[in-house]
PDB file of N, CA and C in Angstrom:
ATOM      1  N   MET A   1      12.691   3.138  -0.854  1.00  0.00           N
ATOM      2  CA  MET A   1      12.191   2.972  -2.194  1.00  0.00           C
ATOM      3  C   MET A   1      10.846   2.267  -2.272  1.00  0.00           C
ATOM      4  N   PRO A   2      10.450   1.471  -1.291  1.00  0.00           N
ATOM      5  CA  PRO A   2       9.093   0.937  -1.357  1.00  0.00           C
ATOM      6  C   PRO A   2       8.066   2.067  -1.222  1.00  0.00           C
ATOM      7  N   TYR A   3       7.019   1.972  -2.034  1.00  0.00           N
ATOM      8  CA  TYR A   3       5.952   2.978  -2.028  1.00  0.00           C
ATOM      9  C   TYR A   3       4.617   2.263  -2.011  1.00  0.00           C
ATOM     10  N   LEU A   4       3.719   2.720  -1.148  1.00  0.00           N
ATOM     11  CA  LEU A   4       2.383   2.164  -1.078  1.00  0.00           C
ATOM     12  C   LEU A   4       1.385   3.311  -1.110  1.00  0.00           C
ATOM     13  N   LYS A   5       0.423   3.202  -2.007  1.00  0.00           N
ATOM     14  CA  LYS A   5      -0.647   4.194  -2.117  1.00  0.00           C
ATOM     15  C   LYS A   5      -1.981   3.483  -1.954  1.00  0.00           C
ATOM     16  N   LEU A   6      -2.735   3.890  -0.944  1.00  0.00           N
ATOM     17  CA  LEU A   6      -4.052   3.334  -0.673  1.00  0.00           C
ATOM     18  C   LEU A   6      -5.107   4.351  -1.095  1.00  0.00           C
ATOM     19  N   THR A   7      -6.016   3.916  -1.954  1.00  0.00           N
ATOM     20  CA  THR A   7      -7.168   4.722  -2.340  1.00  0.00           C
ATOM     21  C   THR A   7      -8.407   3.933  -1.943  1.00  0.00           C
ATOM     22  N   THR A   8      -9.315   4.587  -1.215  1.00  0.00           N
ATOM     23  CA  THR A   8     -10.502   3.899  -0.733  1.00  0.00           C
ATOM     24  C   THR A   8     -11.703   4.835  -0.706  1.00  0.00           C
ATOM     25  N   ASN A   9     -12.885   4.241  -0.691  1.00  0.00           N
ATOM     26  CA  ASN A   9     -14.099   5.029  -0.570  1.00  0.00           C
ATOM     27  C   ASN A   9     -14.483   5.244   0.895  1.00  0.00           C
ATOM     28  N   ILE A  10     -13.690   4.734   1.806  1.00  0.00           N
ATOM     29  CA  ILE A  10     -13.905   4.910   3.237  1.00  0.00           C
ATOM     30  C   ILE A  10     -13.248   6.216   3.688  1.00  0.00           C
ATOM     31  N   ALA A  11     -13.963   6.992   4.489  1.00  0.00           N
ATOM     32  CA  ALA A  11     -13.372   8.205   5.057  1.00  0.00           C
ATOM     33  C   ALA A  11     -12.335   7.797   6.107  1.00  0.00           C
ATOM     34  N   ILE A  12     -11.162   8.394   6.034  1.00  0.00           N
ATOM     35  CA  ILE A  12     -10.100   8.142   7.006  1.00  0.00           C
ATOM     36  C   ILE A  12      -9.969   9.403   7.847  1.00  0.00           C
ATOM     37  N   SER A  13     -10.254   9.283   9.121  1.00  0.00           N
ATOM     38  CA  SER A  13     -10.252  10.450  10.009  1.00  0.00           C
ATOM     39  C   SER A  13      -8.827  10.923  10.294  1.00  0.00           C
ATOM     40  N   LYS A  14      -8.726  12.151  10.775  1.00  0.00           N
ATOM     41  CA  LYS A  14      -7.423  12.715  11.162  1.00  0.00           C
ATOM     42  C   LYS A  14      -6.800  11.907  12.304  1.00  0.00           C
ATOM     43  N   GLU A  15      -7.645  11.276  13.104  1.00  0.00           N
ATOM     44  CA  GLU A  15      -7.145  10.450  14.202  1.00  0.00           C
ATOM     45  C   GLU A  15      -6.629   9.102  13.683  1.00  0.00           C
ATOM     46  N   GLN A  16      -7.297   8.537  12.677  1.00  0.00           N
ATOM     47  CA  GLN A  16      -6.892   7.240  12.123  1.00  0.00           C
ATOM     48  C   GLN A  16      -5.644   7.335  11.265  1.00  0.00           C
ATOM     49  N   SER A  17      -5.509   8.423  10.540  1.00  0.00           N
ATOM     50  CA  SER A  17      -4.472   8.547   9.516  1.00  0.00           C
ATOM     51  C   SER A  17      -3.044   8.297  10.015  1.00  0.00           C
ATOM     52  N   PRO A  18      -2.578   8.951  11.068  1.00  0.00           N
ATOM     53  CA  PRO A  18      -1.187   8.707  11.494  1.00  0.00           C
ATOM     54  C   PRO A  18      -0.916   7.251  11.854  1.00  0.00           C
ATOM     55  N   LYS A  19      -1.851   6.609  12.545  1.00  0.00           N
ATOM     56  CA  LYS A  19      -1.661   5.212  12.938  1.00  0.00           C
ATOM     57  C   LYS A  19      -1.638   4.301  11.713  1.00  0.00           C
ATOM     58  N   LEU A  20      -2.554   4.539  10.780  1.00  0.00           N
ATOM     59  CA  LEU A  20      -2.616   3.736   9.568  1.00  0.00           C
ATOM     60  C   LEU A  20      -1.360   3.926   8.715  1.00  0.00           C
ATOM     61  N   LEU A  21      -0.920   5.167   8.564  1.00  0.00           N
ATOM     62  CA  LEU A  21       0.316   5.442   7.822  1.00  0.00           C
ATOM     63  C   LEU A  21       1.492   4.688   8.443  1.00  0.00           C
ATOM     64  N   SER A  22       1.603   4.760   9.756  1.00  0.00           N
ATOM     65  CA  SER A  22       2.696   4.095  10.461  1.00  0.00           C
ATOM     66  C   SER A  22       2.633   2.581  10.294  1.00  0.00           C
ATOM     67  N   GLN A  23       1.443   2.013  10.400  1.00  0.00           N
ATOM     68  CA  GLN A  23       1.317   0.559  10.271  1.00  0.00           C
ATOM     69  C   GLN A  23       1.655   0.085   8.865  1.00  0.00           C
ATOM     70  N   PHE A  24       1.202   0.821   7.849  1.00  0.00           N
ATOM     71  CA  PHE A  24       1.561   0.459   6.479  1.00  0.00           C
ATOM     72  C   PHE A  24       3.060   0.618   6.253  1.00  0.00           C
ATOM     73  N   SER A  25       3.655   1.669   6.783  1.00  0.00           N
ATOM     74  CA  SER A  25       5.086   1.901   6.618  1.00  0.00           C
ATOM     75  C   SER A  25       5.900   0.766   7.237  1.00  0.00           C
ATOM     76  N   GLN A  26       5.554   0.385   8.460  1.00  0.00           N
ATOM     77  CA  GLN A  26       6.261  -0.699   9.140  1.00  0.00           C
ATOM     78  C   GLN A  26       6.063  -2.026   8.414  1.00  0.00           C
ATOM     79  N   LEU A  27       4.845  -2.277   7.961  1.00  0.00           N
ATOM     80  CA  LEU A  27       4.538  -3.511   7.236  1.00  0.00           C
ATOM     81  C   LEU A  27       5.354  -3.607   5.951  1.00  0.00           C
ATOM     82  N   LEU A  28       5.386  -2.515   5.195  1.00  0.00           N
ATOM     83  CA  LEU A  28       6.111  -2.516   3.922  1.00  0.00           C
ATOM     84  C   LEU A  28       7.616  -2.703   4.137  1.00  0.00           C
ATOM     85  N   ALA A  29       8.154  -2.060   5.152  1.00  0.00           N
ATOM     86  CA  ALA A  29       9.584  -2.231   5.456  1.00  0.00           C
ATOM     87  C   ALA A  29       9.879  -3.684   5.828  1.00  0.00           C
ATOM     88  N   LYS A  30       9.052  -4.240   6.692  1.00  0.00           N
ATOM     89  CA  LYS A  30       9.267  -5.616   7.143  1.00  0.00           C
ATOM     90  C   LYS A  30       9.159  -6.607   5.989  1.00  0.00           C
ATOM     91  N   GLU A  31       8.107  -6.488   5.205  1.00  0.00           N
ATOM     92  CA  GLU A  31       7.845  -7.458   4.134  1.00  0.00           C
ATOM     93  C   GLU A  31       8.852  -7.364   2.977  1.00  0.00           C
ATOM     94  N   THR A  32       9.367  -6.169   2.718  1.00  0.00           N
ATOM     95  CA  THR A  32      10.332  -6.015   1.614  1.00  0.00           C
ATOM     96  C   THR A  32      11.780  -6.153   2.083  1.00  0.00           C
ATOM     97  N   GLY A  33      11.987  -6.093   3.399  1.00  0.00           N
ATOM     98  CA  GLY A  33      13.343  -6.159   3.925  1.00  0.00           C
ATOM     99  C   GLY A  33      14.130  -4.886   3.695  1.00  0.00           C
ATOM    100  N   LYS A  34      13.429  -3.781   3.433  1.00  0.00           N
ATOM    101  CA  LYS A  34      14.083  -2.489   3.176  1.00  0.00           C
ATOM    102  C   LYS A  34      13.982  -1.620   4.430  1.00  0.00           C
ATOM    103  N   PRO A  35      14.950  -0.725   4.647  1.00  0.00           N
ATOM    104  CA  PRO A  35      14.880   0.173   5.802  1.00  0.00           C
ATOM    105  C   PRO A  35      13.639   1.074   5.711  1.00  0.00           C
ATOM    106  N   GLU A  36      12.976   1.255   6.841  1.00  0.00           N
ATOM    107  CA  GLU A  36      11.762   2.081   6.843  1.00  0.00           C
ATOM    108  C   GLU A  36      12.064   3.525   6.432  1.00  0.00           C
ATOM    109  N   ARG A  37      13.285   3.972   6.584  1.00  0.00           N
ATOM    110  CA  ARG A  37      13.619   5.354   6.200  1.00  0.00           C
ATOM    111  C   ARG A  37      13.446   5.592   4.702  1.00  0.00           C
ATOM    112  N   TYR A  38      13.346   4.523   3.907  1.00  0.00           N
ATOM    113  CA  TYR A  38      13.119   4.656   2.470  1.00  0.00           C
ATOM    114  C   TYR A  38      11.658   4.423   2.069  1.00  0.00           C
ATOM    115  N   VAL A  39      10.816   4.049   3.005  1.00  0.00           N
ATOM    116  CA  VAL A  39       9.418   3.714   2.703  1.00  0.00           C
ATOM    117  C   VAL A  39       8.568   4.980   2.630  1.00  0.00           C
ATOM    118  N   MET A  40       7.711   5.039   1.609  1.00  0.00           N
ATOM    119  CA  MET A  40       6.764   6.145   1.468  1.00  0.00           C
ATOM    120  C   MET A  40       5.361   5.558   1.384  1.00  0.00           C
ATOM    121  N   VAL A  41       4.420   6.171   2.129  1.00  0.00           N
ATOM    122  CA  VAL A  41       3.034   5.713   2.150  1.00  0.00           C
ATOM    123  C   VAL A  41       2.119   6.909   1.932  1.00  0.00           C
ATOM    124  N   GLU A  42       1.095   6.708   1.115  1.00  0.00           N
ATOM    125  CA  GLU A  42       0.104   7.750   0.834  1.00  0.00           C
ATOM    126  C   GLU A  42      -1.289   7.167   1.029  1.00  0.00           C
ATOM    127  N   LEU A  43      -2.145   7.902   1.723  1.00  0.00           N
ATOM    128  CA  LEU A  43      -3.530   7.488   1.932  1.00  0.00           C
ATOM    129  C   LEU A  43      -4.468   8.494   1.271  1.00  0.00           C
ATOM    130  N   MET A  44      -5.438   7.968   0.538  1.00  0.00           N
ATOM    131  CA  MET A  44      -6.459   8.802  -0.084  1.00  0.00           C
ATOM    132  C   MET A  44      -7.812   8.178   0.234  1.00  0.00           C
ATOM    133  N   GLY A  45      -8.533   8.783   1.156  1.00  0.00           N
ATOM    134  CA  GLY A  45      -9.815   8.252   1.568  1.00  0.00           C
ATOM    135  C   GLY A  45     -10.974   9.074   1.063  1.00  0.00           C
ATOM    136  N   ASP A  46     -12.166   8.542   1.267  1.00  0.00           N
ATOM    137  CA  ASP A  46     -13.422   9.212   0.929  1.00  0.00           C
ATOM    138  C   ASP A  46     -13.526   9.519  -0.570  1.00  0.00           C
ATOM    139  N   LYS A  47     -13.060   8.594  -1.401  1.00  0.00           N
ATOM    140  CA  LYS A  47     -13.109   8.759  -2.857  1.00  0.00           C
ATOM    141  C   LYS A  47     -14.381   8.125  -3.413  1.00  0.00           C
ATOM    142  N   ASP A  48     -14.911   8.690  -4.482  1.00  0.00           N
ATOM    143  CA  ASP A  48     -16.045   8.089  -5.179  1.00  0.00           C
ATOM    144  C   ASP A  48     -15.532   6.903  -5.972  1.00  0.00           C
ATOM    145  N   MET A  49     -15.927   5.689  -5.567  1.00  0.00           N
ATOM    146  CA  MET A  49     -15.431   4.475  -6.200  1.00  0.00           C
ATOM    147  C   MET A  49     -16.517   3.408  -6.207  1.00  0.00           C
ATOM    148  N   LEU A  50     -16.461   2.532  -7.224  1.00  0.00           N
ATOM    149  CA  LEU A  50     -17.319   1.352  -7.318  1.00  0.00           C
ATOM    150  C   LEU A  50     -16.450   0.143  -7.594  1.00  0.00           C
ATOM    151  N   PHE A  51     -16.851  -1.003  -7.077  1.00  0.00           N
ATOM    152  CA  PHE A  51     -16.186  -2.268  -7.374  1.00  0.00           C
ATOM    153  C   PHE A  51     -17.302  -3.286  -7.575  1.00  0.00           C
ATOM    154  N   GLY A  52     -17.358  -3.891  -8.729  1.00  0.00           N
ATOM    155  CA  GLY A  52     -18.407  -4.860  -9.023  1.00  0.00           C
ATOM    156  C   GLY A  52     -19.793  -4.237  -8.997  1.00  0.00           C
ATOM    157  N   GLY A  53     -19.867  -2.960  -9.346  1.00  0.00           N
ATOM    158  CA  GLY A  53     -21.141  -2.258  -9.370  1.00  0.00           C
ATOM    159  C   GLY A  53     -21.649  -1.836  -8.005  1.00  0.00           C
ATOM    160  N   SER A  54     -20.826  -2.008  -6.967  1.00  0.00           N
ATOM    161  CA  SER A  54     -21.238  -1.703  -5.595  1.00  0.00           C
ATOM    162  C   SER A  54     -20.299  -0.677  -4.965  1.00  0.00           C
ATOM    163  N   SER A  55     -20.865   0.180  -4.141  1.00  0.00           N
ATOM    164  CA  SER A  55     -20.056   1.161  -3.409  1.00  0.00           C
ATOM    165  C   SER A  55     -19.792   0.719  -1.959  1.00  0.00           C
ATOM    166  N   GLU A  56     -20.001  -0.566  -1.667  1.00  0.00           N
ATOM    167  CA  GLU A  56     -19.622  -1.093  -0.353  1.00  0.00           C
ATOM    168  C   GLU A  56     -18.126  -0.809  -0.149  1.00  0.00           C
ATOM    169  N   PRO A  57     -17.640  -0.826   1.104  1.00  0.00           N
ATOM    170  CA  PRO A  57     -16.228  -0.511   1.358  1.00  0.00           C
ATOM    171  C   PRO A  57     -15.286  -1.273   0.427  1.00  0.00           C
ATOM    172  N   LEU A  58     -14.336  -0.519  -0.150  1.00  0.00           N
ATOM    173  CA  LEU A  58     -13.385  -1.091  -1.102  1.00  0.00           C
ATOM    174  C   LEU A  58     -12.078  -0.334  -1.046  1.00  0.00           C
ATOM    175  N   ALA A  59     -11.047  -0.922  -1.630  1.00  0.00           N
ATOM    176  CA  ALA A  59      -9.743  -0.268  -1.690  1.00  0.00           C
ATOM    177  C   ALA A  59      -8.982  -0.696  -2.932  1.00  0.00           C
ATOM    178  N   TYR A  60      -8.211   0.238  -3.457  1.00  0.00           N
ATOM    179  CA  TYR A  60      -7.245  -0.035  -4.510  1.00  0.00           C
ATOM    180  C   TYR A  60      -5.886   0.368  -3.944  1.00  0.00           C
ATOM    181  N   VAL A  61      -4.935  -0.547  -4.010  1.00  0.00           N
ATOM    182  CA  VAL A  61      -3.612  -0.317  -3.434  1.00  0.00           C
ATOM    183  C   VAL A  61      -2.562  -0.471  -4.522  1.00  0.00           C
ATOM    184  N   GLU A  62      -1.651   0.490  -4.600  1.00  0.00           N
ATOM    185  CA  GLU A  62      -0.474   0.389  -5.463  1.00  0.00           C
ATOM    186  C   GLU A  62       0.719   0.149  -4.549  1.00  0.00           C
ATOM    187  N   CYS A  63       1.493  -0.865  -4.858  1.00  0.00           N
ATOM    188  CA  CYS A  63       2.660  -1.205  -4.055  1.00  0.00           C
ATOM    189  C   CYS A  63       3.844  -1.401  -5.000  1.00  0.00           C
ATOM    190  N   LYS A  64       4.836  -0.528  -4.870  1.00  0.00           N
ATOM    191  CA  LYS A  64       5.989  -0.552  -5.771  1.00  0.00           C
ATOM    192  C   LYS A  64       7.270  -0.628  -4.961  1.00  0.00           C
ATOM    193  N   SER A  65       8.234  -1.370  -5.494  1.00  0.00           N
ATOM    194  CA  SER A  65       9.531  -1.449  -4.828  1.00  0.00           C
ATOM    195  C   SER A  65      10.579  -1.988  -5.795  1.00  0.00           C
ATOM    196  N   ILE A  66      11.799  -1.639  -5.531  1.00  0.00           N
ATOM    197  CA  ILE A  66      12.923  -2.215  -6.259  1.00  0.00           C
ATOM    198  C   ILE A  66      13.119  -3.642  -5.756  1.00  0.00           C
ATOM    199  N   GLY A  67      13.209  -4.589  -6.675  1.00  0.00           N
ATOM    200  CA  GLY A  67      13.492  -5.976  -6.306  1.00  0.00           C
ATOM    201  C   GLY A  67      12.334  -6.717  -5.660  1.00  0.00           C
ATOM    202  N   LEU A  68      11.111  -6.286  -5.905  1.00  0.00           N
ATOM    203  CA  LEU A  68       9.944  -6.951  -5.324  1.00  0.00           C
ATOM    204  C   LEU A  68       9.759  -8.324  -5.966  1.00  0.00           C
ATOM    205  N   SER A  69       9.778  -9.364  -5.147  1.00  0.00           N
ATOM    206  CA  SER A  69       9.655 -10.730  -5.662  1.00  0.00           C
ATOM    207  C   SER A  69       8.201 -11.181  -5.666  1.00  0.00           C
ATOM    208  N   LEU A  70       7.928 -12.269  -6.374  1.00  0.00           N
ATOM    209  CA  LEU A  70       6.579 -12.833  -6.394  1.00  0.00           C
ATOM    210  C   LEU A  70       6.165 -13.304  -5.007  1.00  0.00           C
ATOM    211  N   GLN A  71       7.083 -13.882  -4.261  1.00  0.00           N
ATOM    212  CA  GLN A  71       6.780 -14.334  -2.901  1.00  0.00           C
ATOM    213  C   GLN A  71       6.454 -13.155  -1.991  1.00  0.00           C
ATOM    214  N   GLN A  72       7.214 -12.073  -2.117  1.00  0.00           N
ATOM    215  CA  GLN A  72       6.927 -10.879  -1.318  1.00  0.00           C
ATOM    216  C   GLN A  72       5.554 -10.307  -1.680  1.00  0.00           C
ATOM    217  N   ALA A  73       5.218 -10.322  -2.966  1.00  0.00           N
ATOM    218  CA  ALA A  73       3.913  -9.806  -3.396  1.00  0.00           C
ATOM    219  C   ALA A  73       2.777 -10.627  -2.782  1.00  0.00           C
ATOM    220  N   LYS A  74       2.918 -11.944  -2.786  1.00  0.00           N
ATOM    221  CA  LYS A  74       1.886 -12.806  -2.182  1.00  0.00           C
ATOM    222  C   LYS A  74       1.746 -12.535  -0.692  1.00  0.00           C
ATOM    223  N   SER A  75       2.867 -12.432  -0.011  1.00  0.00           N
ATOM    224  CA  SER A  75       2.849 -12.172   1.423  1.00  0.00           C
ATOM    225  C   SER A  75       2.263 -10.793   1.728  1.00  0.00           C
ATOM    226  N   LEU A  76       2.667  -9.794   0.949  1.00  0.00           N
ATOM    227  CA  LEU A  76       2.131  -8.445   1.112  1.00  0.00           C
ATOM    228  C   LEU A  76       0.626  -8.407   0.859  1.00  0.00           C
ATOM    229  N   SER A  77       0.165  -9.147  -0.136  1.00  0.00           N
ATOM    230  CA  SER A  77      -1.267  -9.177  -0.438  1.00  0.00           C
ATOM    231  C   SER A  77      -2.050  -9.641   0.787  1.00  0.00           C
ATOM    232  N   ALA A  78      -1.580 -10.687   1.423  1.00  0.00           N
ATOM    233  CA  ALA A  78      -2.250 -11.203   2.619  1.00  0.00           C
ATOM    234  C   ALA A  78      -2.178 -10.192   3.764  1.00  0.00           C
ATOM    235  N   SER A  79      -0.995  -9.640   4.010  1.00  0.00           N
ATOM    236  CA  SER A  79      -0.806  -8.711   5.128  1.00  0.00           C
ATOM    237  C   SER A  79      -1.585  -7.416   4.949  1.00  0.00           C
ATOM    238  N   ILE A  80      -1.575  -6.881   3.742  1.00  0.00           N
ATOM    239  CA  ILE A  80      -2.316  -5.647   3.455  1.00  0.00           C
ATOM    240  C   ILE A  80      -3.814  -5.890   3.633  1.00  0.00           C
ATOM    241  N   SER A  81      -4.291  -7.023   3.157  1.00  0.00           N
ATOM    242  CA  SER A  81      -5.713  -7.357   3.282  1.00  0.00           C
ATOM    243  C   SER A  81      -6.144  -7.458   4.743  1.00  0.00           C
ATOM    244  N   VAL A  82      -5.315  -8.058   5.569  1.00  0.00           N
ATOM    245  CA  VAL A  82      -5.622  -8.169   7.002  1.00  0.00           C
ATOM    246  C   VAL A  82      -5.667  -6.784   7.641  1.00  0.00           C
ATOM    247  N   LEU A  83      -4.686  -5.954   7.320  1.00  0.00           N
ATOM    248  CA  LEU A  83      -4.643  -4.606   7.880  1.00  0.00           C
ATOM    249  C   LEU A  83      -5.890  -3.811   7.481  1.00  0.00           C
ATOM    250  N   LEU A  84      -6.287  -3.898   6.215  1.00  0.00           N
ATOM    251  CA  LEU A  84      -7.474  -3.184   5.740  1.00  0.00           C
ATOM    252  C   LEU A  84      -8.748  -3.703   6.410  1.00  0.00           C
ATOM    253  N   ALA A  85      -8.842  -5.003   6.602  1.00  0.00           N
ATOM    254  CA  ALA A  85     -10.015  -5.585   7.269  1.00  0.00           C
ATOM    255  C   ALA A  85     -10.083  -5.142   8.721  1.00  0.00           C
ATOM    256  N   ASN A  86      -8.953  -5.171   9.402  1.00  0.00           N
ATOM    257  CA  ASN A  86      -8.922  -4.840  10.830  1.00  0.00           C
ATOM    258  C   ASN A  86      -9.142  -3.362  11.125  1.00  0.00           C
ATOM    259  N   HIS A  87      -8.638  -2.484  10.271  1.00  0.00           N
ATOM    260  CA  HIS A  87      -8.672  -1.053  10.581  1.00  0.00           C
ATOM    261  C   HIS A  87      -9.718  -0.260   9.813  1.00  0.00           C
ATOM    262  N   LEU A  88     -10.118  -0.753   8.639  1.00  0.00           N
ATOM    263  CA  LEU A  88     -11.115  -0.017   7.858  1.00  0.00           C
ATOM    264  C   LEU A  88     -12.335  -0.868   7.510  1.00  0.00           C
ATOM    265  N   SER A  89     -12.372  -2.093   8.004  1.00  0.00           N
ATOM    266  CA  SER A  89     -13.487  -3.026   7.749  1.00  0.00           C
ATOM    267  C   SER A  89     -13.737  -3.242   6.255  1.00  0.00           C
ATOM    268  N   ILE A  90     -12.646  -3.364   5.505  1.00  0.00           N
ATOM    269  CA  ILE A  90     -12.737  -3.643   4.068  1.00  0.00           C
ATOM    270  C   ILE A  90     -12.414  -5.122   3.867  1.00  0.00           C
ATOM    271  N   ALA A  91     -13.363  -5.871   3.319  1.00  0.00           N
ATOM    272  CA  ALA A  91     -13.173  -7.300   3.072  1.00  0.00           C
ATOM    273  C   ALA A  91     -12.122  -7.528   1.987  1.00  0.00           C
ATOM    274  N   ALA A  92     -11.357  -8.592   2.126  1.00  0.00           N
ATOM    275  CA  ALA A  92     -10.272  -8.900   1.176  1.00  0.00           C
ATOM    276  C   ALA A  92     -10.776  -9.011  -0.258  1.00  0.00           C
ATOM    277  N   GLU A  93     -12.004  -9.518  -0.449  1.00  0.00           N
ATOM    278  CA  GLU A  93     -12.527  -9.652  -1.814  1.00  0.00           C
ATOM    279  C   GLU A  93     -12.960  -8.313  -2.415  1.00  0.00           C
ATOM    280  N   ARG A  94     -12.821  -7.220  -1.634  1.00  0.00           N
ATOM    281  CA  ARG A  94     -13.153  -5.877  -2.110  1.00  0.00           C
ATOM    282  C   ARG A  94     -11.883  -5.032  -2.264  1.00  0.00           C
ATOM    283  N   VAL A  95     -10.742  -5.712  -2.423  1.00  0.00           N
ATOM    284  CA  VAL A  95      -9.451  -5.036  -2.522  1.00  0.00           C
ATOM    285  C   VAL A  95      -8.707  -5.527  -3.765  1.00  0.00           C
ATOM    286  N   TYR A  96      -8.255  -4.579  -4.574  1.00  0.00           N
ATOM    287  CA  TYR A  96      -7.303  -4.877  -5.649  1.00  0.00           C
ATOM    288  C   TYR A  96      -5.964  -4.291  -5.238  1.00  0.00           C
ATOM    289  N   ILE A  97      -4.894  -5.049  -5.472  1.00  0.00           N
ATOM    290  CA  ILE A  97      -3.547  -4.573  -5.183  1.00  0.00           C
ATOM    291  C   ILE A  97      -2.702  -4.734  -6.440  1.00  0.00           C
ATOM    292  N   GLU A  98      -2.120  -3.642  -6.880  1.00  0.00           N
ATOM    293  CA  GLU A  98      -1.231  -3.657  -8.044  1.00  0.00           C
ATOM    294  C   GLU A  98       0.219  -3.615  -7.544  1.00  0.00           C
ATOM    295  N   PHE A  99       0.972  -4.658  -7.827  1.00  0.00           N
ATOM    296  CA  PHE A  99       2.373  -4.731  -7.429  1.00  0.00           C
ATOM    297  C   PHE A  99       3.259  -4.396  -8.625  1.00  0.00           C
ATOM    298  N   SER A 100       4.318  -3.642  -8.362  1.00  0.00           N
ATOM    299  CA  SER A 100       5.287  -3.301  -9.406  1.00  0.00           C
ATOM    300  C   SER A 100       6.699  -3.484  -8.868  1.00  0.00           C
ATOM    301  N   ASN A 101       7.509  -4.177  -9.649  1.00  0.00           N
ATOM    302  CA  ASN A 101       8.926  -4.330  -9.355  1.00  0.00           C
ATOM    303  C   ASN A 101       9.663  -3.367 -10.272  1.00  0.00           C
ATOM    304  N   CYS A 102      10.205  -2.323  -9.707  1.00  0.00           N
ATOM    305  CA  CYS A 102      10.857  -1.287 -10.504  1.00  0.00           C
ATOM    306  C   CYS A 102      12.375  -1.476 -10.478  1.00  0.00           C
ATOM    307  N   PRO A 103      13.028  -1.426 -11.633  1.00  0.00           N
ATOM    308  CA  PRO A 103      14.493  -1.502 -11.643  1.00  0.00           C
ATOM    309  C   PRO A 103      15.097  -0.294 -10.920  1.00  0.00           C
ATOM    310  N   GLY A 104      16.171  -0.526 -10.182  1.00  0.00           N
ATOM    311  CA  GLY A 104      16.817   0.543  -9.420  1.00  0.00           C
ATOM    312  C   GLY A 104      17.242   1.734 -10.264  1.00  0.00           C
ATOM    313  N   ASN A 105      17.627   1.478 -11.514  1.00  0.00           N
ATOM    314  CA  ASN A 105      18.078   2.582 -12.363  1.00  0.00           C
ATOM    315  C   ASN A 105      16.912   3.444 -12.854  1.00  0.00           C
ATOM    316  N   LEU A 106      15.666   3.002 -12.587  1.00  0.00           N
ATOM    317  CA  LEU A 106      14.495   3.799 -12.957  1.00  0.00           C
ATOM    318  C   LEU A 106      13.756   4.332 -11.724  1.00  0.00           C
ATOM    319  N   TRP A 107      14.426   4.328 -10.588  1.00  0.00           N
ATOM    320  CA  TRP A 107      13.835   4.851  -9.351  1.00  0.00           C
ATOM    321  C   TRP A 107      14.766   5.948  -8.839  1.00  0.00           C
ATOM    322  N   GLY A 108      14.311   7.187  -8.936  1.00  0.00           N
ATOM    323  CA  GLY A 108      15.137   8.321  -8.550  1.00  0.00           C
ATOM    324  C   GLY A 108      15.027   8.667  -7.079  1.00  0.00           C
ATOM    325  N   TRP A 109      16.117   9.142  -6.524  1.00  0.00           N
ATOM    326  CA  TRP A 109      16.159   9.609  -5.141  1.00  0.00           C
ATOM    327  C   TRP A 109      17.430  10.422  -4.932  1.00  0.00           C
ATOM    328  N   ASN A 110      17.316  11.495  -4.200  1.00  0.00           N
ATOM    329  CA  ASN A 110      18.467  12.296  -3.780  1.00  0.00           C
ATOM    330  C   ASN A 110      19.303  12.780  -4.968  1.00  0.00           C
ATOM    331  N   GLY A 111      18.626  13.155  -6.053  1.00  0.00           N
ATOM    332  CA  GLY A 111      19.314  13.695  -7.204  1.00  0.00           C
ATOM    333  C   GLY A 111      19.933  12.657  -8.125  1.00  0.00           C
ATOM    334  N   SER A 112      19.691  11.389  -7.877  1.00  0.00           N
ATOM    335  CA  SER A 112      20.252  10.323  -8.715  1.00  0.00           C
ATOM    336  C   SER A 112      19.243   9.183  -8.764  1.00  0.00           C
ATOM    337  N   THR A 113      19.736   7.970  -9.005  1.00  0.00           N
ATOM    338  CA  THR A 113      18.886   6.778  -9.000  1.00  0.00           C
ATOM    339  C   THR A 113      19.543   5.718  -8.120  1.00  0.00           C
ATOM    340  N   PHE A 114      18.832   4.612  -7.903  1.00  0.00           N
ATOM    341  CA  PHE A 114      19.367   3.526  -7.102  1.00  0.00           C
ATOM    342  C   PHE A 114      20.163   2.530  -7.943  1.00  0.00           C
ATOM    343  N   GLY A 115      20.301   2.766  -9.237  1.00  0.00           N
ATOM    344  CA  GLY A 115      20.997   1.802 -10.086  1.00  0.00           C
ATOM    345  C   GLY A 115      22.224   2.351 -10.727  1.00  0.00           C
TER     346      GLY A 115
END
């Protein structure tokens, strides 16, 4: 049920994509305490984007999960920022992350919901 969507103005190569997807998937599973088999990750690179009037490397991240706590959001913010800096050279001050805690009864899967 955890979902992470990364949108960035940085081009993500076919060689980078599988490794980055895997690292985000493992990170999200670890930080949320959810099985990785429920984690979904989406990468969208090479987008036309501005942040603070500048097109320097930037990212917008959506992170959603059932039962996401404030502490998990803080920890994820730090971990996601480190991953983006290390792999895409995006500075933490050039990243916005939107966290959403979704009730299980409003998250569908396998023909039903989690609530």
